[in-house]
Amino acid sequence: MTTHEASIVIAGLTFAEAPRWHDDRIWCSDFYTGQVMSAREDGADPRVEATVPRQPSGLGWLPDGRLLVVSMRDRKVLRREPDGTLRTHADLSRHATGHLNDMSVDAIGRAYVGNFGFDLMGGAPVEPASLYRVDPDGGVTEVAADLWFPNGIVLTPQGVLLVNETLGNRITAFDVTEDGRLTNRRVWAAFGPLPTGRAFERVLSQLAVAGDGSCLDAEGGLWIADATGARLLRVLEGGEITDEVRPGTNVYACALGGSDGRTLFACAAPDFHEAARKAAREASLIALPVVVPA
């Protein structure tokens, strides 16, 4: 385990999510201001790239460069047009059973989108959720079910989709077929048994690792933000943890980037509770050095 003093890239956020390195800039969503932001790797030249009234989360890009943004609360994926306007790319409100969260977009523009599966902030019991594929024409298809808070979606160069099951103590893998289906489901890494019971606090207490956002490095290591452990973990297939970094704050998502690919950006906040985060600007996007590049 190592402890690093992180540098702050963007301060004064409410709750940041979905960091992405794109076009030589670091991007992220800020939940309660509704802003999608970007900056240079040192935090210079900050910009508001889009404003999403219903809470932005996952980010991705179509092959033609248009930005896709998850609009969490109305369960839609929005598309930013060249003139800056936002249009509905896909409506998942009749499909998803909880707020949408993370998203990963493949090289041909198919977006894989997770969701909570239950009303987390309203205190509902934990329920499994499905993962959905949004095709470039906006069509929505369920591609996997019975996932415990599917989150932190990563597509590998080998055609494997990895998804963190935040409330399931595991990372699950699928092979992606040419037509975008998910096959050969398997546990890629397990950190403990599947929690028992449905009360959220009870489930939370049984998590060894609550894998939230994640990113892949050049050697196949998966960095994950442990949402309950205030740490960033580098995990290999099979579950070996090769690196544990504690930046001194809670972290909820991460991305590799920077000019040499060796900066690990992370979304930091005191906690994830909606009322507290709405009322303060205590969250930030931080950066730490790593050895293996993106």
Protein backbone atom coordinates (compact mmCIF):
# COMPACT_ATOMS: atom_id res chain seq x y z
CA MET A 1 0.00 0.00 0.00
CA THR A 2 1.18 3.49 -0.82
CA THR A 3 -0.08 6.86 0.31
CA HIS A 4 0.19 9.70 -2.16
CA GLU A 5 -0.51 13.38 -1.77
CA ALA A 6 -2.65 14.08 -4.79
CA SER A 7 -2.60 17.30 -6.75
CA ILE A 8 -5.92 19.03 -7.34
CA VAL A 9 -6.83 19.52 -10.99
CA ILE A 10 -10.35 20.96 -10.59
CA ALA A 11 -11.67 22.12 -7.20
CA GLY A 12 -15.05 23.40 -6.00
CA LEU A 13 -17.19 20.61 -7.45
CA THR A 14 -20.33 19.11 -5.93
CA PHE A 15 -19.74 15.45 -6.87
CA ALA A 16 -17.58 14.55 -9.85
CA GLU A 17 -17.97 11.39 -11.91
CA ALA A 18 -16.94 9.82 -15.23
CA PRO A 19 -13.41 11.20 -15.72
CA ARG A 20 -12.20 10.74 -19.30
CA TRP A 21 -8.97 11.69 -21.07
CA HIS A 22 -10.00 12.96 -24.52
CA ASP A 23 -8.43 15.36 -27.02
CA ASP A 24 -5.53 16.11 -24.66
CA ARG A 25 -7.90 17.24 -21.90
CA ILE A 26 -9.38 15.67 -18.80
CA TRP A 27 -13.20 15.67 -18.76
CA CYS A 28 -15.67 14.91 -15.97
CA SER A 29 -19.30 15.38 -14.96
CA ASP A 30 -20.36 17.36 -11.91
CA PHE A 31 -23.64 15.91 -10.63
CA TYR A 32 -25.38 18.75 -8.87
CA THR A 33 -24.29 21.70 -11.01
CA GLY A 34 -25.25 19.68 -14.09
CA GLN A 35 -22.01 20.60 -15.82
CA VAL A 36 -19.75 18.53 -18.02
CA MET A 37 -16.32 20.09 -17.67
CA SER A 38 -12.88 19.75 -19.21
CA ALA A 39 -9.42 21.14 -18.45
CA ARG A 40 -5.80 20.63 -19.34
CA GLU A 41 -3.99 18.03 -17.27
CA ASP A 42 -2.73 20.70 -14.85
CA GLY A 43 -6.21 22.21 -14.46
CA ALA A 44 -5.53 25.16 -16.76
CA ASP A 45 -8.11 26.44 -19.27
CA PRO A 46 -11.21 24.97 -17.58
CA ARG A 47 -14.32 24.86 -19.74
CA VAL A 48 -17.99 23.98 -19.35
CA GLU A 49 -18.63 21.68 -22.29
CA ALA A 50 -22.34 21.01 -21.66
CA THR A 51 -25.02 21.55 -19.05
CA VAL A 52 -27.40 18.68 -18.27
CA PRO A 53 -30.33 19.66 -15.99
CA ARG A 54 -31.13 16.08 -14.98
CA GLN A 55 -27.68 15.22 -13.62
CA PRO A 56 -24.84 14.17 -15.95
CA SER A 57 -22.82 11.03 -15.37
CA GLY A 58 -21.15 8.74 -17.92
CA LEU A 59 -19.37 10.28 -20.91
CA GLY A 60 -18.30 8.97 -24.31
CA TRP A 61 -17.83 9.98 -27.92
CA LEU A 62 -19.28 8.83 -31.22
CA PRO A 63 -16.83 8.08 -34.05
CA ASP A 64 -17.60 11.47 -35.61
CA GLY A 65 -16.54 13.24 -32.41
CA ARG A 66 -19.94 14.12 -30.98
CA LEU A 67 -20.14 13.88 -27.20
CA LEU A 68 -22.56 11.47 -25.51
CA VAL A 69 -23.64 12.23 -21.94
CA VAL A 70 -25.69 10.08 -19.57
CA SER A 71 -28.57 12.09 -18.11
CA MET A 72 -29.04 10.13 -14.90
CA ARG A 73 -32.40 11.18 -13.53
CA ASP A 74 -34.47 11.06 -16.70
CA ARG A 75 -32.63 7.91 -17.81
CA LYS A 76 -31.54 9.19 -21.18
CA VAL A 77 -28.35 9.41 -23.20
CA LEU A 78 -27.92 12.86 -24.71
CA ARG A 79 -25.89 13.84 -27.75
CA ARG A 80 -24.10 17.16 -28.19
CA GLU A 81 -24.42 18.44 -31.75
CA PRO A 82 -21.69 20.51 -33.47
CA ASP A 83 -23.58 23.72 -32.62
CA GLY A 84 -23.53 22.80 -28.91
CA THR A 85 -27.19 21.85 -28.56
CA LEU A 86 -28.13 18.68 -26.69
CA ARG A 87 -30.48 16.17 -28.30
CA THR A 88 -31.89 12.92 -26.97
CA HIS A 89 -29.77 10.11 -28.39
CA ALA A 90 -31.61 7.31 -26.56
CA ASP A 91 -34.39 7.08 -23.99
CA LEU A 92 -33.93 4.27 -21.46
CA SER A 93 -36.73 5.36 -19.12
CA ARG A 94 -38.87 2.33 -20.05
CA HIS A 95 -35.92 -0.02 -19.53
CA ALA A 96 -33.71 0.98 -16.60
CA THR A 97 -35.01 0.35 -13.07
CA GLY A 98 -32.83 2.99 -11.41
CA HIS A 99 -30.80 6.08 -12.25
CA LEU A 100 -28.38 5.55 -15.12
CA ASN A 101 -24.70 5.73 -14.19
CA ASP A 102 -21.59 4.78 -16.14
CA MET A 103 -21.24 4.32 -19.91
CA SER A 104 -18.58 3.09 -22.31
CA VAL A 105 -18.73 3.74 -26.06
CA ASP A 106 -17.02 1.40 -28.53
CA ALA A 107 -15.23 2.26 -31.77
CA ILE A 108 -18.37 2.07 -33.90
CA GLY A 109 -20.49 4.14 -31.53
CA ARG A 110 -22.34 1.52 -29.51
CA ALA A 111 -22.78 2.67 -25.91
CA TYR A 112 -23.00 0.23 -23.00
CA VAL A 113 -24.91 1.81 -20.11
CA GLY A 114 -25.41 0.71 -16.49
CA ASN A 115 -27.97 1.72 -13.90
CA PHE A 116 -28.57 1.52 -10.14
CA GLY A 117 -31.45 -0.97 -10.33
CA PHE A 118 -33.29 0.60 -7.37
CA ASP A 119 -33.98 3.96 -5.72
CA LEU A 120 -30.72 4.35 -3.80
CA MET A 121 -31.31 7.87 -2.51
CA GLY A 122 -34.91 7.05 -1.58
CA GLY A 123 -33.88 4.18 0.68
CA ALA A 124 -35.34 1.34 -1.40
CA PRO A 125 -34.05 -2.21 -0.95
CA VAL A 126 -31.19 -3.30 -3.19
CA GLU A 127 -32.24 -5.00 -6.43
CA PRO A 128 -30.23 -6.38 -9.35
CA ALA A 129 -30.09 -4.40 -12.57
CA SER A 130 -29.49 -4.85 -16.28
CA LEU A 131 -26.87 -3.52 -18.65
CA TYR A 132 -28.09 -1.94 -21.88
CA ARG A 133 -26.60 -1.35 -25.30
CA VAL A 134 -27.51 1.84 -27.13
CA ASP A 135 -26.86 1.53 -30.85
CA PRO A 136 -25.74 4.50 -33.00
CA ASP A 137 -29.34 4.96 -34.18
CA GLY A 138 -30.57 5.23 -30.57
CA GLY A 139 -32.04 1.74 -30.33
CA VAL A 140 -31.88 0.18 -26.84
CA THR A 141 -31.22 -3.51 -26.13
CA GLU A 142 -30.80 -5.30 -22.82
CA VAL A 143 -27.51 -7.23 -23.08
CA ALA A 144 -27.06 -8.57 -19.52
CA ALA A 145 -29.23 -8.98 -16.42
CA ASP A 146 -28.87 -9.81 -12.72
CA LEU A 147 -25.96 -7.44 -12.10
CA TRP A 148 -25.53 -5.87 -8.66
CA PHE A 149 -25.23 -2.16 -9.43
CA PRO A 150 -23.43 -2.37 -12.79
CA ASN A 151 -20.85 0.41 -12.86
CA GLY A 152 -17.34 1.19 -14.13
CA ILE A 153 -17.72 -0.23 -17.65
CA VAL A 154 -14.50 -0.80 -19.62
CA LEU A 155 -14.01 -2.23 -23.12
CA THR A 156 -10.63 -3.92 -23.64
CA PRO A 157 -8.67 -4.06 -26.93
CA GLN A 158 -9.28 -7.83 -26.94
CA GLY A 159 -13.06 -7.34 -27.24
CA VAL A 160 -13.95 -7.99 -23.61
CA LEU A 161 -16.37 -5.86 -21.62
CA LEU A 162 -15.58 -5.52 -17.91
CA VAL A 163 -18.21 -4.19 -15.53
CA ASN A 164 -17.80 -3.47 -11.83
CA GLU A 165 -20.67 -4.81 -9.74
CA THR A 166 -20.38 -2.17 -7.03
CA LEU A 167 -22.70 -4.00 -4.62
CA GLY A 168 -21.63 -7.50 -5.69
CA ASN A 169 -17.99 -7.71 -4.49
CA ARG A 170 -16.86 -8.56 -8.02
CA ILE A 171 -15.93 -7.57 -11.56
CA THR A 172 -17.76 -9.45 -14.30
CA ALA A 173 -16.48 -10.00 -17.84
CA PHE A 174 -18.24 -10.68 -21.15
CA ASP A 175 -16.99 -11.30 -24.66
CA VAL A 176 -18.43 -8.77 -27.11
CA THR A 177 -19.62 -10.25 -30.41
CA GLU A 178 -19.34 -8.43 -33.73
CA ASP A 179 -23.00 -7.43 -33.51
CA GLY A 180 -22.63 -6.09 -29.96
CA ARG A 181 -24.06 -8.97 -27.94
CA LEU A 182 -22.42 -10.01 -24.67
CA THR A 183 -21.49 -13.69 -24.31
CA ASN A 184 -19.36 -16.00 -22.13
CA ARG A 185 -20.25 -14.32 -18.85
CA ARG A 186 -17.68 -14.96 -16.12
CA VAL A 187 -16.25 -13.51 -12.92
CA TRP A 188 -13.09 -11.58 -13.81
CA ALA A 189 -12.22 -10.77 -10.18
CA ALA A 190 -13.97 -11.55 -6.89
CA PHE A 191 -13.26 -9.70 -3.66
CA GLY A 192 -15.69 -11.56 -1.41
CA PRO A 193 -18.99 -13.41 -1.49
CA LEU A 194 -22.15 -11.86 -2.89
CA PRO A 195 -23.69 -9.90 0.00
CA THR A 196 -26.84 -11.23 1.62
CA GLY A 197 -29.97 -9.27 2.46
CA ARG A 198 -31.45 -6.33 0.58
CA ALA A 199 -31.13 -3.41 3.01
CA PHE A 200 -28.56 -1.02 1.53
CA GLU A 201 -26.59 -0.45 4.74
CA ARG A 202 -26.44 -4.19 5.37
CA VAL A 203 -25.14 -4.84 1.86
CA LEU A 204 -22.63 -1.99 2.20
CA SER A 205 -21.21 -3.50 5.39
CA GLN A 206 -20.42 -6.77 3.57
CA LEU A 207 -18.38 -5.24 0.76
CA ALA A 208 -14.64 -5.90 0.68
CA VAL A 209 -14.34 -3.68 -2.41
CA ALA A 210 -17.12 -1.46 -3.76
CA GLY A 211 -15.81 -1.06 -7.30
CA ASP A 212 -17.08 2.20 -8.78
CA GLY A 213 -15.47 3.84 -11.84
CA SER A 214 -12.49 2.15 -13.48
CA CYS A 215 -9.91 2.37 -16.27
CA LEU A 216 -7.51 0.03 -18.04
CA ASP A 217 -3.75 0.38 -18.37
CA ALA A 218 -1.40 -0.80 -21.12
CA GLU A 219 -0.54 -4.06 -19.31
CA GLY A 220 -4.12 -5.15 -18.69
CA GLY A 221 -4.32 -3.86 -15.13
CA LEU A 222 -7.67 -2.41 -14.15
CA TRP A 223 -7.59 0.59 -11.82
CA ILE A 224 -10.78 0.82 -9.79
CA ALA A 225 -12.02 3.38 -7.30
CA ASP A 226 -13.18 1.63 -4.13
CA ALA A 227 -16.22 3.70 -3.17
CA THR A 228 -16.20 2.55 0.46
CA GLY A 229 -12.47 2.11 1.02
CA ALA A 230 -11.02 5.55 0.18
CA ARG A 231 -8.50 3.92 -2.14
CA LEU A 232 -7.58 3.19 -5.72
CA LEU A 233 -6.74 -0.42 -6.56
CA ARG A 234 -4.95 -1.92 -9.54
CA VAL A 235 -6.42 -5.37 -10.16
CA LEU A 236 -5.42 -8.17 -12.52
CA GLU A 237 -7.69 -10.84 -13.96
CA GLY A 238 -8.23 -13.41 -11.24
CA GLY A 239 -8.41 -10.79 -8.51
CA GLU A 240 -4.76 -10.10 -7.64
CA ILE A 241 -4.36 -6.55 -6.32
CA THR A 242 -0.94 -5.29 -7.40
CA ASP A 243 -1.22 -1.69 -6.19
CA GLU A 244 -3.23 0.10 -3.51
CA VAL A 245 -3.12 3.88 -3.38
CA ARG A 246 -4.75 5.90 -0.61
CA PRO A 247 -5.00 9.57 -1.63
CA GLY A 248 -6.38 10.66 1.76
CA THR A 249 -9.98 11.12 0.59
CA ASN A 250 -12.88 9.05 -0.69
CA VAL A 251 -12.70 8.34 -4.43
CA TYR A 252 -15.47 7.27 -6.79
CA ALA A 253 -14.07 7.04 -10.33
CA CYS A 254 -10.74 7.17 -12.15
CA ALA A 255 -9.14 7.60 -15.57
CA LEU A 256 -5.62 7.32 -16.93
CA GLY A 257 -4.31 10.13 -19.10
CA GLY A 258 -1.94 13.05 -19.26
CA SER A 259 0.70 13.78 -21.87
CA ASP A 260 2.53 10.51 -21.14
CA GLY A 261 -0.50 8.47 -20.04
CA ARG A 262 0.94 8.07 -16.53
CA THR A 263 -1.45 10.31 -14.60
CA LEU A 264 -4.27 8.66 -12.70
CA PHE A 265 -7.12 11.14 -12.38
CA ALA A 266 -9.72 10.44 -9.70
CA CYS A 267 -13.02 11.93 -8.59
CA ALA A 268 -12.84 12.75 -4.88
CA ALA A 269 -15.49 13.80 -2.36
CA PRO A 270 -16.13 13.50 1.40
CA ASP A 271 -19.03 11.07 0.75
CA PHE A 272 -21.70 10.21 -1.81
CA HIS A 273 -24.79 11.38 0.10
CA GLU A 274 -27.01 13.53 -2.09
CA ALA A 275 -28.14 16.10 0.46
CA ALA A 276 -24.62 16.79 1.70
CA ARG A 277 -23.08 17.03 -1.77
CA LYS A 278 -25.81 19.32 -3.11
CA ALA A 279 -25.20 21.73 -0.24
CA ALA A 280 -21.42 22.08 -0.62
CA ARG A 281 -18.57 22.46 -3.09
CA GLU A 282 -16.17 20.06 -1.39
CA ALA A 283 -15.53 17.63 -4.25
CA SER A 284 -12.60 17.74 -6.66
CA LEU A 285 -10.82 16.05 -9.52
CA ILE A 286 -7.38 14.97 -8.34
CA ALA A 287 -4.29 13.51 -10.02
CA LEU A 288 -1.64 11.00 -8.96
CA PRO A 289 1.40 9.57 -10.77
CA VAL A 290 1.49 5.88 -11.80
CA VAL A 291 4.10 3.72 -13.52
CA VAL A 292 2.15 1.83 -16.21
CA PRO A 293 0.57 4.16 -18.78
CA ALA A 294 -2.90 4.12 -20.29
